[in-house]
Amino acid sequence: MTSEPQQPSPRCVIVVVPPSPVPCDRSESATIATEYCFLPQDVGTAPVSGAEDFQIMLYYDASKDLCYPFKYLGEGGNANRFTLERICMRNCSARAEEIYPVDESKACHYRKALGECYGTYLRYYYDPIHSKCKKFHWTGCVGNGNRFIDHQACNATCAGIHDDGTEEEEDEPDTPIALILGVVFGITGAIIIGVVVFLVMQSNTLFIILFN
């Protein structure tokens, strides 16, 4: 009598769910918007551990054809999330080459863009008429390729570029001095107020002791 072949015992199949799309340093040369560019801003979710691990990222706003910062909570979200404005615009905007050209030296001819947010960040831009890098205040979002994190990066990209023109040279902001003085005076003022409050409280205490 021939026995029937044994059937393999059932196995547990583990399905691995891929994580949400990682942010999006996808390409610096892409200039055709893809589907993820039209996804809504998604802040994601906080880690299960409860630890605060948020990051400032950027998303593309198709209605305005601009990239804006947002607070990403650390997990989940969607693919409309970028680490840099340049990369965001180059992946999603048809105007990318006009704003953040692949040849970064082309942006040295652009006028500085102050931005559309409300921050105050010290950055550098190249003045092609006067052939030098200068400081300016960037508001923290929206701009162009003529913006550099420091003087050295500006010079490395733009040194030697010159445009003819008759515009008068703009004064540079004295941000470091103004900021330092503001902080110093602010701390000094807080100390003075604290001392005055302390003395008033001490005098009131002495008054109570003497007349009670």
C-alpha atoms as a PDB file:
ATOM      1  CA  MET A   1       0.000   0.000   0.000  1.00  0.00           C
ATOM      2  CA  THR A   2       1.488   3.275  -1.080  1.00  0.00           C
ATOM      3  CA  SER A   3       1.384   6.028   1.503  1.00  0.00           C
ATOM      4  CA  GLU A   4       0.358   9.527   0.467  1.00  0.00           C
ATOM      5  CA  PRO A   5       3.169  12.100   0.300  1.00  0.00           C
ATOM      6  CA  GLN A   6       3.356  14.275   3.373  1.00  0.00           C
ATOM      7  CA  GLN A   7       2.228  17.865   2.945  1.00  0.00           C
ATOM      8  CA  PRO A   8       4.635  20.538   4.148  1.00  0.00           C
ATOM      9  CA  SER A   9       3.636  22.088   7.438  1.00  0.00           C
ATOM     10  CA  PRO A  10       2.157  25.602   7.138  1.00  0.00           C
ATOM     11  CA  ARG A  11       4.630  28.437   7.496  1.00  0.00           C
ATOM     12  CA  CYS A  12       4.187  31.857   8.900  1.00  0.00           C
ATOM     13  CA  VAL A  13       4.738  34.451   6.179  1.00  0.00           C
ATOM     14  CA  ILE A  14       6.155  37.755   7.357  1.00  0.00           C
ATOM     15  CA  VAL A  15       5.144  40.725   5.269  1.00  0.00           C
ATOM     16  CA  VAL A  16       7.535  43.620   5.475  1.00  0.00           C
ATOM     17  CA  VAL A  17       5.765  46.939   5.017  1.00  0.00           C
ATOM     18  CA  PRO A  18       8.127  49.500   3.496  1.00  0.00           C
ATOM     19  CA  PRO A  19       8.571  52.710   5.446  1.00  0.00           C
ATOM     20  CA  SER A  20       7.151  55.982   4.240  1.00  0.00           C
ATOM     21  CA  PRO A  21       9.129  57.633   1.463  1.00  0.00           C
ATOM     22  CA  VAL A  22      12.326  59.177   2.673  1.00  0.00           C
ATOM     23  CA  PRO A  23      12.904  62.821   2.066  1.00  0.00           C
ATOM     24  CA  CYS A  24      13.741  63.716  -1.057  1.00  0.00           C
ATOM     25  CA  ASP A  25      17.185  64.554  -2.102  1.00  0.00           C
ATOM     26  CA  ARG A  26      16.101  62.856  -5.276  1.00  0.00           C
ATOM     27  CA  SER A  27      17.756  64.764  -8.047  1.00  0.00           C
ATOM     28  CA  GLU A  28      19.297  68.146  -8.542  1.00  0.00           C
ATOM     29  CA  SER A  29      18.805  67.961 -12.303  1.00  0.00           C
ATOM     30  CA  ALA A  30      15.126  67.009 -12.493  1.00  0.00           C
ATOM     31  CA  THR A  31      12.875  69.834 -13.633  1.00  0.00           C
ATOM     32  CA  ILE A  32       9.628  68.000 -14.436  1.00  0.00           C
ATOM     33  CA  ALA A  33       7.135  67.762 -11.584  1.00  0.00           C
ATOM     34  CA  THR A  34       6.192  64.223 -10.610  1.00  0.00           C
ATOM     35  CA  GLU A  35       3.132  62.938  -8.771  1.00  0.00           C
ATOM     36  CA  TYR A  36       4.536  63.392  -5.283  1.00  0.00           C
ATOM     37  CA  CYS A  37       4.901  67.129  -5.889  1.00  0.00           C
ATOM     38  CA  PHE A  38       1.100  67.430  -5.810  1.00  0.00           C
ATOM     39  CA  LEU A  39       0.656  65.598  -2.530  1.00  0.00           C
ATOM     40  CA  PRO A  40      -0.525  67.739   0.392  1.00  0.00           C
ATOM     41  CA  GLN A  41       1.822  68.752   3.170  1.00  0.00           C
ATOM     42  CA  ASP A  42       2.044  65.875   5.665  1.00  0.00           C
ATOM     43  CA  VAL A  43       3.702  66.475   9.039  1.00  0.00           C
ATOM     44  CA  GLY A  44       3.827  62.747   9.801  1.00  0.00           C
ATOM     45  CA  THR A  45       3.582  61.336  13.314  1.00  0.00           C
ATOM     46  CA  ALA A  46       5.735  61.542  16.408  1.00  0.00           C
ATOM     47  CA  PRO A  47       7.848  58.484  17.291  1.00  0.00           C
ATOM     48  CA  VAL A  48       6.126  55.828  19.425  1.00  0.00           C
ATOM     49  CA  SER A  49       8.839  56.327  22.037  1.00  0.00           C
ATOM     50  CA  GLY A  50       7.486  59.816  22.619  1.00  0.00           C
ATOM     51  CA  ALA A  51      10.870  61.407  21.971  1.00  0.00           C
ATOM     52  CA  GLU A  52      10.750  64.741  20.192  1.00  0.00           C
ATOM     53  CA  ASP A  53      12.615  64.218  16.964  1.00  0.00           C
ATOM     54  CA  PHE A  54      11.070  66.784  14.656  1.00  0.00           C
ATOM     55  CA  GLN A  55      12.913  68.296  11.709  1.00  0.00           C
ATOM     56  CA  ILE A  56      12.347  71.393   9.610  1.00  0.00           C
ATOM     57  CA  MET A  57      11.688  70.128   6.100  1.00  0.00           C
ATOM     58  CA  LEU A  58      10.185  71.657   2.967  1.00  0.00           C
ATOM     59  CA  TYR A  59       7.185  70.762   0.856  1.00  0.00           C
ATOM     60  CA  TYR A  60       6.170  71.940  -2.603  1.00  0.00           C
ATOM     61  CA  ASP A  61       3.010  74.053  -2.796  1.00  0.00           C
ATOM     62  CA  ALA A  62       1.750  73.452  -6.327  1.00  0.00           C
ATOM     63  CA  SER A  63      -0.790  76.281  -6.096  1.00  0.00           C
ATOM     64  CA  LYS A  64       1.999  78.831  -5.562  1.00  0.00           C
ATOM     65  CA  ASP A  65       4.826  77.020  -7.353  1.00  0.00           C
ATOM     66  CA  LEU A  66       7.043  77.539  -4.296  1.00  0.00           C
ATOM     67  CA  CYS A  67       8.565  75.465  -1.516  1.00  0.00           C
ATOM     68  CA  TYR A  68       7.798  76.229   2.118  1.00  0.00           C
ATOM     69  CA  PRO A  69       9.198  74.911   5.397  1.00  0.00           C
ATOM     70  CA  PHE A  70       7.175  72.831   7.818  1.00  0.00           C
ATOM     71  CA  LYS A  71       7.728  70.899  11.036  1.00  0.00           C
ATOM     72  CA  TYR A  72       8.070  67.186  10.275  1.00  0.00           C
ATOM     73  CA  LEU A  73       7.392  65.101  13.391  1.00  0.00           C
ATOM     74  CA  GLY A  74       9.798  62.294  12.557  1.00  0.00           C
ATOM     75  CA  GLU A  75       7.858  59.317  11.187  1.00  0.00           C
ATOM     76  CA  GLY A  76       5.396  58.611   8.371  1.00  0.00           C
ATOM     77  CA  GLY A  77       4.419  61.379   6.020  1.00  0.00           C
ATOM     78  CA  ASN A  78       4.620  61.310   2.262  1.00  0.00           C
ATOM     79  CA  ALA A  79       7.159  61.903  -0.487  1.00  0.00           C
ATOM     80  CA  ASN A  80       6.459  65.638  -0.784  1.00  0.00           C
ATOM     81  CA  ARG A  81       9.206  66.330   1.716  1.00  0.00           C
ATOM     82  CA  PHE A  82      12.629  67.795   0.997  1.00  0.00           C
ATOM     83  CA  THR A  83      15.690  68.844   2.921  1.00  0.00           C
ATOM     84  CA  LEU A  84      16.644  71.851   0.771  1.00  0.00           C
ATOM     85  CA  GLU A  85      14.687  74.449  -1.182  1.00  0.00           C
ATOM     86  CA  ARG A  86      16.968  73.991  -4.168  1.00  0.00           C
ATOM     87  CA  ILE A  87      16.214  70.272  -4.359  1.00  0.00           C
ATOM     88  CA  CYS A  88      12.500  70.847  -3.785  1.00  0.00           C
ATOM     89  CA  MET A  89      12.243  73.346  -6.629  1.00  0.00           C
ATOM     90  CA  ARG A  90      14.412  71.331  -9.003  1.00  0.00           C
ATOM     91  CA  ASN A  91      12.184  68.288  -8.527  1.00  0.00           C
ATOM     92  CA  CYS A  92       8.841  70.033  -8.736  1.00  0.00           C
ATOM     93  CA  SER A  93       8.925  73.446 -10.442  1.00  0.00           C
ATOM     94  CA  ALA A  94       9.120  74.194 -14.150  1.00  0.00           C
ATOM     95  CA  ARG A  95      10.881  77.451 -13.163  1.00  0.00           C
ATOM     96  CA  ALA A  96      13.700  75.640 -11.372  1.00  0.00           C
ATOM     97  CA  GLU A  97      16.409  76.474 -13.898  1.00  0.00           C
ATOM     98  CA  GLU A  98      15.515  80.167 -13.635  1.00  0.00           C
ATOM     99  CA  ILE A  99      15.824  80.112  -9.839  1.00  0.00           C
ATOM    100  CA  TYR A 100      18.320  77.355  -8.970  1.00  0.00           C
ATOM    101  CA  PRO A 101      20.309  76.653 -12.147  1.00  0.00           C
ATOM    102  CA  VAL A 102      22.289  73.424 -12.412  1.00  0.00           C
ATOM    103  CA  ASP A 103      25.340  75.556 -13.184  1.00  0.00           C
ATOM    104  CA  GLU A 104      25.373  77.374  -9.849  1.00  0.00           C
ATOM    105  CA  SER A 105      27.606  80.169 -11.152  1.00  0.00           C
ATOM    106  CA  LYS A 106      24.703  81.422 -13.304  1.00  0.00           C
ATOM    107  CA  ALA A 107      22.897  82.409 -10.109  1.00  0.00           C
ATOM    108  CA  CYS A 108      25.733  84.820  -9.283  1.00  0.00           C
ATOM    109  CA  HIS A 109      24.076  87.217 -11.758  1.00  0.00           C
ATOM    110  CA  TYR A 110      20.735  87.146  -9.906  1.00  0.00           C
ATOM    111  CA  ARG A 111      19.534  89.839  -7.544  1.00  0.00           C
ATOM    112  CA  LYS A 112      19.390  88.772  -3.917  1.00  0.00           C
ATOM    113  CA  ALA A 113      16.017  87.486  -2.738  1.00  0.00           C
ATOM    114  CA  LEU A 114      15.057  88.336   0.836  1.00  0.00           C
ATOM    115  CA  GLY A 115      12.380  85.642   1.012  1.00  0.00           C
ATOM    116  CA  GLU A 116       8.797  85.465   2.253  1.00  0.00           C
ATOM    117  CA  CYS A 117       9.009  84.177   5.840  1.00  0.00           C
ATOM    118  CA  TYR A 118       9.592  86.037   9.098  1.00  0.00           C
ATOM    119  CA  GLY A 119      12.990  84.848  10.297  1.00  0.00           C
ATOM    120  CA  THR A 120      16.310  86.690  10.229  1.00  0.00           C
ATOM    121  CA  TYR A 121      19.212  84.586   8.996  1.00  0.00           C
ATOM    122  CA  LEU A 122      22.591  85.936   8.038  1.00  0.00           C
ATOM    123  CA  ARG A 123      23.474  84.823   4.519  1.00  0.00           C
ATOM    124  CA  TYR A 124      25.705  86.012   1.682  1.00  0.00           C
ATOM    125  CA  TYR A 125      24.979  86.944  -1.902  1.00  0.00           C
ATOM    126  CA  TYR A 126      27.170  87.968  -4.798  1.00  0.00           C
ATOM    127  CA  ASP A 127      26.978  91.507  -6.170  1.00  0.00           C
ATOM    128  CA  PRO A 128      28.128  91.071  -9.786  1.00  0.00           C
ATOM    129  CA  ILE A 129      28.249  94.809 -10.506  1.00  0.00           C
ATOM    130  CA  HIS A 130      30.702  95.466  -7.687  1.00  0.00           C
ATOM    131  CA  SER A 131      32.267  91.993  -7.937  1.00  0.00           C
ATOM    132  CA  LYS A 132      32.068  91.044  -4.278  1.00  0.00           C
ATOM    133  CA  CYS A 133      30.181  88.868  -1.815  1.00  0.00           C
ATOM    134  CA  LYS A 134      28.013  90.687   0.700  1.00  0.00           C
ATOM    135  CA  LYS A 135      25.911  89.929   3.756  1.00  0.00           C
ATOM    136  CA  PHE A 136      22.132  90.146   3.778  1.00  0.00           C
ATOM    137  CA  HIS A 137      19.194  89.047   5.922  1.00  0.00           C
ATOM    138  CA  TRP A 138      17.242  86.111   4.531  1.00  0.00           C
ATOM    139  CA  THR A 139      13.808  85.490   6.039  1.00  0.00           C
ATOM    140  CA  GLY A 140      14.100  81.696   5.977  1.00  0.00           C
ATOM    141  CA  CYS A 141      12.033  80.606   2.982  1.00  0.00           C
ATOM    142  CA  VAL A 142      11.771  81.302  -0.766  1.00  0.00           C
ATOM    143  CA  GLY A 143      14.779  82.660  -2.575  1.00  0.00           C
ATOM    144  CA  ASN A 144      17.167  81.820  -5.375  1.00  0.00           C
ATOM    145  CA  GLY A 145      20.589  80.350  -6.024  1.00  0.00           C
ATOM    146  CA  ASN A 146      22.380  83.588  -5.170  1.00  0.00           C
ATOM    147  CA  ARG A 147      22.378  82.748  -1.473  1.00  0.00           C
ATOM    148  CA  PHE A 148      25.263  81.212   0.400  1.00  0.00           C
ATOM    149  CA  ILE A 149      25.812  80.057   3.949  1.00  0.00           C
ATOM    150  CA  ASP A 150      29.109  81.926   4.316  1.00  0.00           C
ATOM    151  CA  HIS A 151      31.543  84.258   2.537  1.00  0.00           C
ATOM    152  CA  GLN A 152      33.827  81.402   1.514  1.00  0.00           C
ATOM    153  CA  ALA A 153      31.081  79.464  -0.265  1.00  0.00           C
ATOM    154  CA  CYS A 154      30.002  82.639  -2.076  1.00  0.00           C
ATOM    155  CA  ASN A 155      33.524  83.358  -3.300  1.00  0.00           C
ATOM    156  CA  ALA A 156      34.114  79.752  -4.331  1.00  0.00           C
ATOM    157  CA  THR A 157      31.111  79.926  -6.674  1.00  0.00           C
ATOM    158  CA  CYS A 158      31.130  83.497  -7.913  1.00  0.00           C
ATOM    159  CA  ALA A 159      34.618  85.047  -7.665  1.00  0.00           C
ATOM    160  CA  GLY A 160      35.633  86.783 -10.902  1.00  0.00           C
ATOM    161  CA  ILE A 161      32.112  87.200 -12.283  1.00  0.00           C
ATOM    162  CA  HIS A 162      31.250  90.745 -13.307  1.00  0.00           C
ATOM    163  CA  ASP A 163      28.220  92.507 -14.777  1.00  0.00           C
ATOM    164  CA  ASP A 164      28.245  96.038 -16.117  1.00  0.00           C
ATOM    165  CA  GLY A 165      25.936  98.430 -14.350  1.00  0.00           C
ATOM    166  CA  THR A 166      25.596 101.815 -12.690  1.00  0.00           C
ATOM    167  CA  GLU A 167      23.733 100.846  -9.519  1.00  0.00           C
ATOM    168  CA  GLU A 168      25.049 102.337  -6.305  1.00  0.00           C
ATOM    169  CA  GLU A 169      26.561  99.896  -3.876  1.00  0.00           C
ATOM    170  CA  GLU A 170      24.267  98.876  -1.025  1.00  0.00           C
ATOM    171  CA  ASP A 171      25.391  98.983   2.577  1.00  0.00           C
ATOM    172  CA  GLU A 172      25.739  95.650   4.325  1.00  0.00           C
ATOM    173  CA  PRO A 173      23.800  94.966   7.532  1.00  0.00           C
ATOM    174  CA  ASP A 174      25.820  94.951  10.742  1.00  0.00           C
ATOM    175  CA  THR A 175      24.007  91.928  12.035  1.00  0.00           C
ATOM    176  CA  PRO A 176      26.604  90.514  14.414  1.00  0.00           C
ATOM    177  CA  ILE A 177      27.140  93.827  16.236  1.00  0.00           C
ATOM    178  CA  ALA A 178      23.435  94.614  16.436  1.00  0.00           C
ATOM    179  CA  LEU A 179      22.645  91.128  17.637  1.00  0.00           C
ATOM    180  CA  ILE A 180      25.380  91.150  20.274  1.00  0.00           C
ATOM    181  CA  LEU A 181      24.332  94.564  21.595  1.00  0.00           C
ATOM    182  CA  GLY A 182      20.697  93.500  21.666  1.00  0.00           C
ATOM    183  CA  VAL A 183      21.502  90.390  23.674  1.00  0.00           C
ATOM    184  CA  VAL A 184      23.805  92.307  26.056  1.00  0.00           C
ATOM    185  CA  PHE A 185      21.264  95.064  26.695  1.00  0.00           C
ATOM    186  CA  GLY A 186      18.494  92.511  27.058  1.00  0.00           C
ATOM    187  CA  ILE A 187      20.404  90.539  29.688  1.00  0.00           C
ATOM    188  CA  THR A 188      21.475  93.724  31.486  1.00  0.00           C
ATOM    189  CA  GLY A 189      17.900  94.969  31.569  1.00  0.00           C
ATOM    190  CA  ALA A 190      16.666  91.650  32.942  1.00  0.00           C
ATOM    191  CA  ILE A 191      19.319  91.736  35.694  1.00  0.00           C
ATOM    192  CA  ILE A 192      18.403  95.316  36.662  1.00  0.00           C
ATOM    193  CA  ILE A 193      14.701  94.450  36.837  1.00  0.00           C
ATOM    194  CA  GLY A 194      15.498  91.399  38.935  1.00  0.00           C
ATOM    195  CA  VAL A 195      17.596  93.413  41.364  1.00  0.00           C
ATOM    196  CA  VAL A 196      14.874  96.090  41.700  1.00  0.00           C
ATOM    197  CA  VAL A 197      12.212  93.462  42.390  1.00  0.00           C
ATOM    198  CA  PHE A 198      14.455  91.792  44.969  1.00  0.00           C
ATOM    199  CA  LEU A 199      15.150  95.094  46.758  1.00  0.00           C
ATOM    200  CA  VAL A 200      11.451  96.008  46.807  1.00  0.00           C
ATOM    201  CA  MET A 201      10.577  92.645  48.297  1.00  0.00           C
ATOM    202  CA  GLN A 202      13.329  92.976  50.896  1.00  0.00           C
ATOM    203  CA  SER A 203      12.169  96.480  51.878  1.00  0.00           C
ATOM    204  CA  ASN A 204       8.575  95.269  52.233  1.00  0.00           C
ATOM    205  CA  THR A 205       9.741  92.423  54.440  1.00  0.00           C
ATOM    206  CA  LEU A 206      11.726  94.842  56.623  1.00  0.00           C
ATOM    207  CA  PHE A 207       8.685  97.148  56.882  1.00  0.00           C
ATOM    208  CA  ILE A 208       6.522  94.259  58.085  1.00  0.00           C
ATOM    209  CA  ILE A 209       9.108  93.233  60.719  1.00  0.00           C
ATOM    210  CA  LEU A 210       9.477  96.771  62.085  1.00  0.00           C
ATOM    211  CA  PHE A 211       5.800  97.695  62.285  1.00  0.00           C
ATOM    212  CA  ASN A 212       4.198  94.412  63.331  1.00  0.00           C
END
